[in-house]
Amino acid sequence: MNLNDIVLGDTLTILTNLPSDHFDVGVTSPPYNKGERHKGWLVANVLYDKTSDKKDESAYQQEQIDVLNELFRVTKPGGSFFYNHKIRWERGWMLHPYSWVSKTNWVIRQEIIWHRNIAGNIRGWRFWQVEERIYWLYKPCDKEKEEPIGKELRSSDAKLSSIWGIRPESKFGWAPNPFPLALPARCIISIMNDKKGRVIDPYSGSGTTLVAAKLLGQEYLGIEISEDYRTKALERIANAYMEQEDLEKELQLHIVKNNFNVYKERKWSKPRSAKQNKLL
């Protein structure tokens, strides 16, 4: 396995051949099993090169479970994975990603709402859907089997809340529905802080996660079934410096003047009241 590259091939097949306990964090958004069946007058079919987005739903969900379990294996204990998906409907029945994510080996640490600020489906069957889900998945260390709480986020990261208002990417039209650079960058920054490690994206597509990893000084590995996408993504990664300005905008959000420890120190450094002394 060569890092800082995109492996060409089927995601599940490649994952089964990767070493265990190897990556610190990952971010991905798989094909949603939606586009080819639902062409509308406003939004054209979502077509993926070299793969179908029209699978039997039960087979699709089992495939996603298998992929996520392999990602669990190749992630280091204490590592995290961020899995982006959306709620879909089939003939009135809701298909929620939690229904298969909850069947994997991962601990679901948090469900994050990605507020995209735009709606692709504007028919009136239900209120316009402007959000997707990001599942923060966690692989506990051995000592955390009973209480998989994990490490606390820095205040500068936690303040960004569980609702992320980030508009989708529009610069790379050759890949369907790429998420913006800020999204994987936020995930990587929040988990890695100033540490160096390895990032994985098993559906690398336009290479956004890998660009973010490179700009943040991390090693990375992508998996992509399309040779055309791989070639274009590698070219984009080679010119990652051109997206530094977009990264800087996200980095500016990871700043906080007073964290909890500073606040606590200031609070208790003042003369204590009789009530506070009783609490001690």
C-alpha atoms as a PDB file:
ATOM      1  CA  MET A   1       0.000   0.000   0.000  1.00  0.00           C
ATOM      2  CA  ASN A   2       1.402   3.364  -1.048  1.00  0.00           C
ATOM      3  CA  LEU A   3       0.079   6.356   0.862  1.00  0.00           C
ATOM      4  CA  ASN A   4      -0.649   9.743  -0.711  1.00  0.00           C
ATOM      5  CA  ASP A   5      -2.293   8.020  -3.654  1.00  0.00           C
ATOM      6  CA  ILE A   6      -5.679   6.864  -4.930  1.00  0.00           C
ATOM      7  CA  VAL A   7      -6.063   3.116  -5.384  1.00  0.00           C
ATOM      8  CA  LEU A   8      -8.078   2.155  -8.449  1.00  0.00           C
ATOM      9  CA  GLY A   9     -10.679  -0.541  -7.822  1.00  0.00           C
ATOM     10  CA  ASP A  10     -13.802  -1.660  -5.984  1.00  0.00           C
ATOM     11  CA  THR A  11     -14.056  -0.137  -2.509  1.00  0.00           C
ATOM     12  CA  LEU A  12     -14.886  -3.286  -0.545  1.00  0.00           C
ATOM     13  CA  THR A  13     -12.300  -5.398  -2.382  1.00  0.00           C
ATOM     14  CA  ILE A  14      -9.530  -2.864  -1.751  1.00  0.00           C
ATOM     15  CA  LEU A  15     -10.477  -2.382   1.901  1.00  0.00           C
ATOM     16  CA  THR A  16     -10.257  -6.102   2.660  1.00  0.00           C
ATOM     17  CA  ASN A  17      -6.613  -6.029   1.544  1.00  0.00           C
ATOM     18  CA  LEU A  18      -5.567  -3.068   3.716  1.00  0.00           C
ATOM     19  CA  PRO A  19      -3.774  -3.577   7.064  1.00  0.00           C
ATOM     20  CA  SER A  20      -5.707  -3.341  10.321  1.00  0.00           C
ATOM     21  CA  ASP A  21      -5.420  -0.424  12.751  1.00  0.00           C
ATOM     22  CA  HIS A  22      -3.754   1.848  10.217  1.00  0.00           C
ATOM     23  CA  PHE A  23      -5.754   5.091   9.798  1.00  0.00           C
ATOM     24  CA  ASP A  24      -6.509   7.858  12.285  1.00  0.00           C
ATOM     25  CA  VAL A  25      -9.570   9.397  10.647  1.00  0.00           C
ATOM     26  CA  GLY A  26     -11.658   9.074   7.504  1.00  0.00           C
ATOM     27  CA  VAL A  27     -14.340  11.040   5.681  1.00  0.00           C
ATOM     28  CA  THR A  28     -16.536   9.872   2.827  1.00  0.00           C
ATOM     29  CA  SER A  29     -19.831  10.189   1.024  1.00  0.00           C
ATOM     30  CA  PRO A  30     -20.846   7.060  -0.932  1.00  0.00           C
ATOM     31  CA  PRO A  31     -23.228   6.920  -3.901  1.00  0.00           C
ATOM     32  CA  TYR A  32     -26.725   7.224  -2.413  1.00  0.00           C
ATOM     33  CA  ASN A  33     -28.451   4.527  -4.478  1.00  0.00           C
ATOM     34  CA  LYS A  34     -30.874   7.128  -5.716  1.00  0.00           C
ATOM     35  CA  GLY A  35     -30.038   9.040  -8.882  1.00  0.00           C
ATOM     36  CA  GLU A  36     -30.681   6.714 -11.816  1.00  0.00           C
ATOM     37  CA  ARG A  37     -34.198   5.892 -10.662  1.00  0.00           C
ATOM     38  CA  HIS A  38     -35.433   9.412 -10.064  1.00  0.00           C
ATOM     39  CA  LYS A  39     -34.923  11.695 -13.010  1.00  0.00           C
ATOM     40  CA  GLY A  40     -36.864  14.931 -12.731  1.00  0.00           C
ATOM     41  CA  TRP A  41     -37.488  17.869 -15.002  1.00  0.00           C
ATOM     42  CA  LEU A  42     -35.225  20.098 -12.877  1.00  0.00           C
ATOM     43  CA  VAL A  43     -32.517  17.742 -11.613  1.00  0.00           C
ATOM     44  CA  ALA A  44     -31.011  15.323 -14.121  1.00  0.00           C
ATOM     45  CA  ASN A  45     -30.056  11.749 -13.340  1.00  0.00           C
ATOM     46  CA  VAL A  46     -27.047  11.307 -11.086  1.00  0.00           C
ATOM     47  CA  LEU A  47     -24.774   9.036 -13.095  1.00  0.00           C
ATOM     48  CA  TYR A  48     -21.527   7.622 -11.744  1.00  0.00           C
ATOM     49  CA  ASP A  49     -18.717   6.490 -14.006  1.00  0.00           C
ATOM     50  CA  LYS A  50     -18.045   2.718 -13.731  1.00  0.00           C
ATOM     51  CA  THR A  51     -20.681   2.045 -11.076  1.00  0.00           C
ATOM     52  CA  SER A  52     -24.464   1.890 -10.795  1.00  0.00           C
ATOM     53  CA  ASP A  53     -26.605   3.982  -8.495  1.00  0.00           C
ATOM     54  CA  LYS A  54     -29.543   1.638  -8.999  1.00  0.00           C
ATOM     55  CA  LYS A  55     -29.031  -1.353  -6.722  1.00  0.00           C
ATOM     56  CA  ASP A  56     -31.484  -3.473  -4.792  1.00  0.00           C
ATOM     57  CA  GLU A  57     -31.939  -1.479  -1.587  1.00  0.00           C
ATOM     58  CA  SER A  58     -31.327  -4.384   0.790  1.00  0.00           C
ATOM     59  CA  ALA A  59     -28.153  -5.312  -1.122  1.00  0.00           C
ATOM     60  CA  TYR A  60     -27.040  -1.680  -1.078  1.00  0.00           C
ATOM     61  CA  GLN A  61     -27.505  -1.372   2.670  1.00  0.00           C
ATOM     62  CA  GLN A  62     -25.644  -4.639   3.323  1.00  0.00           C
ATOM     63  CA  GLU A  63     -22.795  -3.435   1.116  1.00  0.00           C
ATOM     64  CA  GLN A  64     -22.579  -0.229   3.146  1.00  0.00           C
ATOM     65  CA  ILE A  65     -22.516  -2.232   6.392  1.00  0.00           C
ATOM     66  CA  ASP A  66     -19.690  -4.387   5.021  1.00  0.00           C
ATOM     67  CA  VAL A  67     -17.722  -1.324   3.883  1.00  0.00           C
ATOM     68  CA  LEU A  68     -18.149   0.416   7.228  1.00  0.00           C
ATOM     69  CA  ASN A  69     -17.066  -2.695   9.116  1.00  0.00           C
ATOM     70  CA  GLU A  70     -13.916  -2.944   7.012  1.00  0.00           C
ATOM     71  CA  LEU A  71     -13.266   0.732   7.700  1.00  0.00           C
ATOM     72  CA  PHE A  72     -13.659  -0.056  11.403  1.00  0.00           C
ATOM     73  CA  ARG A  73     -10.984  -2.734  11.085  1.00  0.00           C
ATOM     74  CA  VAL A  74      -8.458  -0.532   9.274  1.00  0.00           C
ATOM     75  CA  THR A  75      -8.972   2.396  11.688  1.00  0.00           C
ATOM     76  CA  LYS A  76      -6.769   2.665  14.766  1.00  0.00           C
ATOM     77  CA  PRO A  77      -8.379   2.201  18.201  1.00  0.00           C
ATOM     78  CA  GLY A  78      -9.413   5.672  19.296  1.00  0.00           C
ATOM     79  CA  GLY A  79      -9.862   6.703  15.655  1.00  0.00           C
ATOM     80  CA  SER A  80     -12.893   8.261  13.985  1.00  0.00           C
ATOM     81  CA  PHE A  81     -14.755   8.088  10.701  1.00  0.00           C
ATOM     82  CA  PHE A  82     -17.244  10.621   9.305  1.00  0.00           C
ATOM     83  CA  TYR A  83     -19.921   9.099   7.072  1.00  0.00           C
ATOM     84  CA  ASN A  84     -22.082  11.449   4.994  1.00  0.00           C
ATOM     85  CA  HIS A  85     -25.451  10.248   3.692  1.00  0.00           C
ATOM     86  CA  LYS A  86     -29.020  11.485   3.339  1.00  0.00           C
ATOM     87  CA  ILE A  87     -32.577  10.460   4.097  1.00  0.00           C
ATOM     88  CA  ARG A  88     -34.338   9.064   1.019  1.00  0.00           C
ATOM     89  CA  TRP A  89     -37.903   7.973   0.287  1.00  0.00           C
ATOM     90  CA  GLU A  90     -39.103   5.066  -1.826  1.00  0.00           C
ATOM     91  CA  ARG A  91     -42.818   5.063  -2.650  1.00  0.00           C
ATOM     92  CA  GLY A  92     -43.561   6.979   0.547  1.00  0.00           C
ATOM     93  CA  TRP A  93     -41.345   4.875   2.831  1.00  0.00           C
ATOM     94  CA  MET A  94     -38.447   6.611   4.549  1.00  0.00           C
ATOM     95  CA  LEU A  95     -34.966   5.118   4.111  1.00  0.00           C
ATOM     96  CA  HIS A  96     -32.839   6.528   6.922  1.00  0.00           C
ATOM     97  CA  PRO A  97     -29.051   5.934   6.999  1.00  0.00           C
ATOM     98  CA  TYR A  98     -29.206   5.295  10.748  1.00  0.00           C
ATOM     99  CA  SER A  99     -30.995   2.020   9.993  1.00  0.00           C
ATOM    100  CA  TRP A 100     -27.785   0.480   8.593  1.00  0.00           C
ATOM    101  CA  VAL A 101     -25.122   2.590  10.295  1.00  0.00           C
ATOM    102  CA  SER A 102     -26.453   1.352  13.655  1.00  0.00           C
ATOM    103  CA  LYS A 103     -25.848  -2.258  12.565  1.00  0.00           C
ATOM    104  CA  THR A 104     -22.088  -1.789  12.124  1.00  0.00           C
ATOM    105  CA  ASN A 105     -19.256  -2.300  14.616  1.00  0.00           C
ATOM    106  CA  TRP A 106     -18.857   1.434  15.151  1.00  0.00           C
ATOM    107  CA  VAL A 107     -19.969   3.465  18.139  1.00  0.00           C
ATOM    108  CA  ILE A 108     -22.103   6.346  16.838  1.00  0.00           C
ATOM    109  CA  ARG A 109     -20.619   9.286  18.678  1.00  0.00           C
ATOM    110  CA  GLN A 110     -22.832  11.948  17.119  1.00  0.00           C
ATOM    111  CA  GLU A 111     -25.293  12.650  14.337  1.00  0.00           C
ATOM    112  CA  ILE A 112     -24.401  15.939  12.638  1.00  0.00           C
ATOM    113  CA  ILE A 113     -26.805  17.809  10.388  1.00  0.00           C
ATOM    114  CA  TRP A 114     -25.227  19.192   7.228  1.00  0.00           C
ATOM    115  CA  HIS A 115     -27.452  22.148   6.307  1.00  0.00           C
ATOM    116  CA  ARG A 116     -26.699  22.541   2.593  1.00  0.00           C
ATOM    117  CA  ASN A 117     -28.721  25.784   2.273  1.00  0.00           C
ATOM    118  CA  ILE A 118     -30.119  24.598  -1.065  1.00  0.00           C
ATOM    119  CA  ALA A 119     -32.776  22.088  -2.077  1.00  0.00           C
ATOM    120  CA  GLY A 120     -32.360  19.825  -5.082  1.00  0.00           C
ATOM    121  CA  ASN A 121     -35.821  18.254  -4.785  1.00  0.00           C
ATOM    122  CA  ILE A 122     -38.447  20.983  -4.952  1.00  0.00           C
ATOM    123  CA  ARG A 123     -41.602  18.938  -5.589  1.00  0.00           C
ATOM    124  CA  GLY A 124     -44.275  19.380  -2.943  1.00  0.00           C
ATOM    125  CA  TRP A 125     -44.576  15.859  -1.563  1.00  0.00           C
ATOM    126  CA  ARG A 126     -42.904  17.051   1.654  1.00  0.00           C
ATOM    127  CA  PHE A 127     -41.044  20.122   2.926  1.00  0.00           C
ATOM    128  CA  TRP A 128     -37.932  20.896   0.892  1.00  0.00           C
ATOM    129  CA  GLN A 129     -35.062  18.738   2.014  1.00  0.00           C
ATOM    130  CA  VAL A 130     -32.040  20.982   2.575  1.00  0.00           C
ATOM    131  CA  GLU A 131     -30.051  18.769   4.933  1.00  0.00           C
ATOM    132  CA  GLU A 132     -27.977  15.606   4.966  1.00  0.00           C
ATOM    133  CA  ARG A 133     -26.556  13.530   7.803  1.00  0.00           C
ATOM    134  CA  ILE A 134     -22.941  13.115   8.859  1.00  0.00           C
ATOM    135  CA  TYR A 135     -22.352  10.281  11.318  1.00  0.00           C
ATOM    136  CA  TRP A 136     -19.331  10.679  13.534  1.00  0.00           C
ATOM    137  CA  LEU A 137     -18.301   7.066  14.090  1.00  0.00           C
ATOM    138  CA  TYR A 138     -15.814   6.075  16.787  1.00  0.00           C
ATOM    139  CA  LYS A 139     -13.623   3.003  17.337  1.00  0.00           C
ATOM    140  CA  PRO A 140     -13.080   2.631  21.109  1.00  0.00           C
ATOM    141  CA  CYS A 141      -9.747   1.759  22.670  1.00  0.00           C
ATOM    142  CA  ASP A 142      -9.573  -1.503  24.643  1.00  0.00           C
ATOM    143  CA  LYS A 143     -10.020   0.332  27.950  1.00  0.00           C
ATOM    144  CA  GLU A 144     -13.203   1.996  26.626  1.00  0.00           C
ATOM    145  CA  LYS A 145     -15.244  -1.128  25.911  1.00  0.00           C
ATOM    146  CA  GLU A 146     -17.808  -0.326  28.615  1.00  0.00           C
ATOM    147  CA  GLU A 147     -17.737   3.464  28.311  1.00  0.00           C
ATOM    148  CA  PRO A 148     -16.661   4.504  24.778  1.00  0.00           C
ATOM    149  CA  ILE A 149     -16.546   8.200  25.549  1.00  0.00           C
ATOM    150  CA  GLY A 150     -13.396   9.061  23.592  1.00  0.00           C
ATOM    151  CA  LYS A 151     -11.324  12.224  23.904  1.00  0.00           C
ATOM    152  CA  GLU A 152     -12.873  15.626  24.497  1.00  0.00           C
ATOM    153  CA  LEU A 153     -12.891  18.069  21.597  1.00  0.00           C
ATOM    154  CA  ARG A 154     -11.073  21.356  21.883  1.00  0.00           C
ATOM    155  CA  SER A 155     -13.406  24.239  22.692  1.00  0.00           C
ATOM    156  CA  SER A 156     -12.500  25.832  19.356  1.00  0.00           C
ATOM    157  CA  ASP A 157     -13.888  22.774  17.543  1.00  0.00           C
ATOM    158  CA  ALA A 158     -16.863  21.954  19.766  1.00  0.00           C
ATOM    159  CA  LYS A 159     -18.266  25.493  19.451  1.00  0.00           C
ATOM    160  CA  LEU A 160     -19.028  24.843  15.762  1.00  0.00           C
ATOM    161  CA  SER A 161     -22.117  22.906  16.946  1.00  0.00           C
ATOM    162  CA  SER A 162     -23.835  19.856  15.470  1.00  0.00           C
ATOM    163  CA  ILE A 163     -25.439  21.773  12.582  1.00  0.00           C
ATOM    164  CA  TRP A 164     -23.016  22.641   9.791  1.00  0.00           C
ATOM    165  CA  GLY A 165     -24.258  25.303   7.397  1.00  0.00           C
ATOM    166  CA  ILE A 166     -21.925  24.802   4.430  1.00  0.00           C
ATOM    167  CA  ARG A 167     -22.944  25.183   0.805  1.00  0.00           C
ATOM    168  CA  PRO A 168     -22.085  22.291  -1.566  1.00  0.00           C
ATOM    169  CA  GLU A 169     -19.172  22.503  -3.981  1.00  0.00           C
ATOM    170  CA  SER A 170     -19.894  23.723  -7.498  1.00  0.00           C
ATOM    171  CA  LYS A 171     -16.409  24.027  -9.052  1.00  0.00           C
ATOM    172  CA  PHE A 172     -15.967  20.386 -10.000  1.00  0.00           C
ATOM    173  CA  GLY A 173     -18.853  19.469 -12.299  1.00  0.00           C
ATOM    174  CA  TRP A 174     -17.251  16.246 -13.542  1.00  0.00           C
ATOM    175  CA  ALA A 175     -18.084  14.429 -10.277  1.00  0.00           C
ATOM    176  CA  PRO A 176     -21.692  14.223  -8.996  1.00  0.00           C
ATOM    177  CA  ASN A 177     -22.527  16.009  -5.744  1.00  0.00           C
ATOM    178  CA  PRO A 178     -19.011  16.658  -4.369  1.00  0.00           C
ATOM    179  CA  PHE A 179     -19.024  18.012  -0.846  1.00  0.00           C
ATOM    180  CA  PRO A 180     -17.127  21.260  -0.110  1.00  0.00           C
ATOM    181  CA  LEU A 181     -13.538  21.354   1.125  1.00  0.00           C
ATOM    182  CA  ALA A 182     -14.634  22.815   4.455  1.00  0.00           C
ATOM    183  CA  LEU A 183     -16.550  19.659   5.368  1.00  0.00           C
ATOM    184  CA  PRO A 184     -13.705  17.087   5.431  1.00  0.00           C
ATOM    185  CA  ALA A 185     -11.313  19.793   6.632  1.00  0.00           C
ATOM    186  CA  ARG A 186     -13.505  20.388   9.697  1.00  0.00           C
ATOM    187  CA  CYS A 187     -13.569  16.676  10.457  1.00  0.00           C
ATOM    188  CA  ILE A 188      -9.807  16.257  10.113  1.00  0.00           C
ATOM    189  CA  ILE A 189      -8.933  19.413  12.063  1.00  0.00           C
ATOM    190  CA  SER A 190     -11.243  18.508  14.938  1.00  0.00           C
ATOM    191  CA  ILE A 191      -9.832  14.987  15.333  1.00  0.00           C
ATOM    192  CA  MET A 192      -6.162  15.481  14.532  1.00  0.00           C
ATOM    193  CA  ASN A 193      -5.586  18.949  16.035  1.00  0.00           C
ATOM    194  CA  ASP A 194      -1.857  19.479  15.514  1.00  0.00           C
ATOM    195  CA  LYS A 195      -1.002  15.779  15.261  1.00  0.00           C
ATOM    196  CA  LYS A 196       0.097  14.101  12.054  1.00  0.00           C
ATOM    197  CA  GLY A 197      -1.495  10.860  10.891  1.00  0.00           C
ATOM    198  CA  ARG A 198      -3.307   9.055   8.103  1.00  0.00           C
ATOM    199  CA  VAL A 199      -6.632   9.907   6.449  1.00  0.00           C
ATOM    200  CA  ILE A 200      -8.757   7.585   4.296  1.00  0.00           C
ATOM    201  CA  ASP A 201     -11.630   8.183   1.870  1.00  0.00           C
ATOM    202  CA  PRO A 202     -12.999   4.928   0.369  1.00  0.00           C
ATOM    203  CA  TYR A 203     -15.162   6.745  -2.207  1.00  0.00           C
ATOM    204  CA  SER A 204     -12.733   9.499  -3.108  1.00  0.00           C
ATOM    205  CA  GLY A 205     -14.609  10.865  -6.156  1.00  0.00           C
ATOM    206  CA  SER A 206     -13.324  14.359  -6.895  1.00  0.00           C
ATOM    207  CA  GLY A 207     -10.682  14.017  -4.176  1.00  0.00           C
ATOM    208  CA  THR A 208     -11.966  16.666  -1.756  1.00  0.00           C
ATOM    209  CA  THR A 209     -11.072  14.735   1.419  1.00  0.00           C
ATOM    210  CA  LEU A 210      -7.594  14.034   0.079  1.00  0.00           C
ATOM    211  CA  VAL A 211      -7.008  17.678  -0.852  1.00  0.00           C
ATOM    212  CA  ALA A 212      -7.998  18.700   2.674  1.00  0.00           C
ATOM    213  CA  ALA A 213      -5.667  16.062   4.135  1.00  0.00           C
ATOM    214  CA  LYS A 214      -2.735  17.219   2.016  1.00  0.00           C
ATOM    215  CA  LEU A 215      -3.249  20.893   2.861  1.00  0.00           C
ATOM    216  CA  LEU A 216      -3.378  19.961   6.557  1.00  0.00           C
ATOM    217  CA  GLY A 217      -0.105  18.049   6.342  1.00  0.00           C
ATOM    218  CA  GLN A 218      -1.649  14.578   6.742  1.00  0.00           C
ATOM    219  CA  GLU A 219      -0.871  11.403   4.814  1.00  0.00           C
ATOM    220  CA  TYR A 220      -3.847  10.064   2.895  1.00  0.00           C
ATOM    221  CA  LEU A 221      -5.275   7.213   0.851  1.00  0.00           C
ATOM    222  CA  GLY A 222      -8.229   7.269  -1.498  1.00  0.00           C
ATOM    223  CA  ILE A 223     -10.118   4.464  -3.227  1.00  0.00           C
ATOM    224  CA  GLU A 224     -11.900   5.091  -6.519  1.00  0.00           C
ATOM    225  CA  ILE A 225     -13.459   2.720  -9.056  1.00  0.00           C
ATOM    226  CA  SER A 226     -13.327   5.188 -11.961  1.00  0.00           C
ATOM    227  CA  GLU A 227     -10.000   5.647 -13.713  1.00  0.00           C
ATOM    228  CA  ASP A 228     -11.223   8.972 -15.120  1.00  0.00           C
ATOM    229  CA  TYR A 229     -12.150  10.312 -11.673  1.00  0.00           C
ATOM    230  CA  ARG A 230      -8.841   9.065 -10.257  1.00  0.00           C
ATOM    231  CA  THR A 231      -6.837  10.858 -12.942  1.00  0.00           C
ATOM    232  CA  LYS A 232      -8.705  14.138 -12.445  1.00  0.00           C
ATOM    233  CA  ALA A 233      -8.578  13.891  -8.650  1.00  0.00           C
ATOM    234  CA  LEU A 234      -4.819  13.275  -8.670  1.00  0.00           C
ATOM    235  CA  GLU A 235      -4.380  16.352 -10.840  1.00  0.00           C
ATOM    236  CA  ARG A 236      -6.481  18.354  -8.395  1.00  0.00           C
ATOM    237  CA  ILE A 237      -4.418  17.079  -5.450  1.00  0.00           C
ATOM    238  CA  ALA A 238      -1.192  18.036  -7.236  1.00  0.00           C
ATOM    239  CA  ASN A 239      -2.549  21.596  -7.406  1.00  0.00           C
ATOM    240  CA  ALA A 240      -3.976  21.593  -3.879  1.00  0.00           C
ATOM    241  CA  TYR A 241      -2.206  24.864  -3.075  1.00  0.00           C
ATOM    242  CA  MET A 242      -4.783  26.608  -5.253  1.00  0.00           C
ATOM    243  CA  GLU A 243      -7.436  25.765  -2.625  1.00  0.00           C
ATOM    244  CA  GLN A 244      -5.457  27.021   0.363  1.00  0.00           C
ATOM    245  CA  GLU A 245      -7.664  30.115   0.603  1.00  0.00           C
ATOM    246  CA  ASP A 246     -10.772  27.934   1.051  1.00  0.00           C
ATOM    247  CA  LEU A 247      -9.003  26.015   3.815  1.00  0.00           C
ATOM    248  CA  GLU A 248      -7.972  29.231   5.566  1.00  0.00           C
ATOM    249  CA  LYS A 249     -11.623  30.281   5.816  1.00  0.00           C
ATOM    250  CA  GLU A 250     -12.386  27.064   7.701  1.00  0.00           C
ATOM    251  CA  LEU A 251      -9.301  27.357   9.904  1.00  0.00           C
ATOM    252  CA  GLN A 252     -10.464  30.793  11.058  1.00  0.00           C
ATOM    253  CA  LEU A 253     -13.580  29.189  12.519  1.00  0.00           C
ATOM    254  CA  HIS A 254     -11.491  26.952  14.809  1.00  0.00           C
ATOM    255  CA  ILE A 255     -10.527  29.784  17.122  1.00  0.00           C
ATOM    256  CA  VAL A 256     -11.908  30.528  20.564  1.00  0.00           C
ATOM    257  CA  LYS A 257     -10.606  33.165  22.984  1.00  0.00           C
ATOM    258  CA  ASN A 258     -11.614  31.531  26.244  1.00  0.00           C
ATOM    259  CA  ASN A 259     -11.985  27.779  26.629  1.00  0.00           C
ATOM    260  CA  PHE A 260     -13.595  26.047  29.602  1.00  0.00           C
ATOM    261  CA  ASN A 261     -10.357  25.732  31.585  1.00  0.00           C
ATOM    262  CA  VAL A 262      -9.591  29.452  31.196  1.00  0.00           C
ATOM    263  CA  TYR A 263     -13.125  30.335  32.236  1.00  0.00           C
ATOM    264  CA  LYS A 264     -12.931  28.014  35.246  1.00  0.00           C
ATOM    265  CA  GLU A 265      -9.560  29.426  36.321  1.00  0.00           C
ATOM    266  CA  ARG A 266     -10.851  32.992  36.139  1.00  0.00           C
ATOM    267  CA  LYS A 267     -14.055  32.134  37.948  1.00  0.00           C
ATOM    268  CA  TRP A 268     -12.363  30.409  40.889  1.00  0.00           C
ATOM    269  CA  SER A 269      -9.442  32.843  41.097  1.00  0.00           C
ATOM    270  CA  LYS A 270     -11.867  35.499  42.372  1.00  0.00           C
ATOM    271  CA  PRO A 271     -12.675  35.665  46.100  1.00  0.00           C
ATOM    272  CA  ARG A 272     -15.104  32.838  46.815  1.00  0.00           C
ATOM    273  CA  SER A 273     -18.471  33.401  48.412  1.00  0.00           C
ATOM    274  CA  ALA A 274     -19.636  31.464  51.459  1.00  0.00           C
ATOM    275  CA  LYS A 275     -21.807  29.323  49.168  1.00  0.00           C
ATOM    276  CA  GLN A 276     -18.846  28.456  46.911  1.00  0.00           C
ATOM    277  CA  ASN A 277     -16.727  27.524  49.919  1.00  0.00           C
ATOM    278  CA  LYS A 278     -19.415  25.094  51.042  1.00  0.00           C
ATOM    279  CA  LEU A 279     -19.295  23.437  47.610  1.00  0.00           C
ATOM    280  CA  LEU A 280     -15.589  22.775  48.150  1.00  0.00           C
END
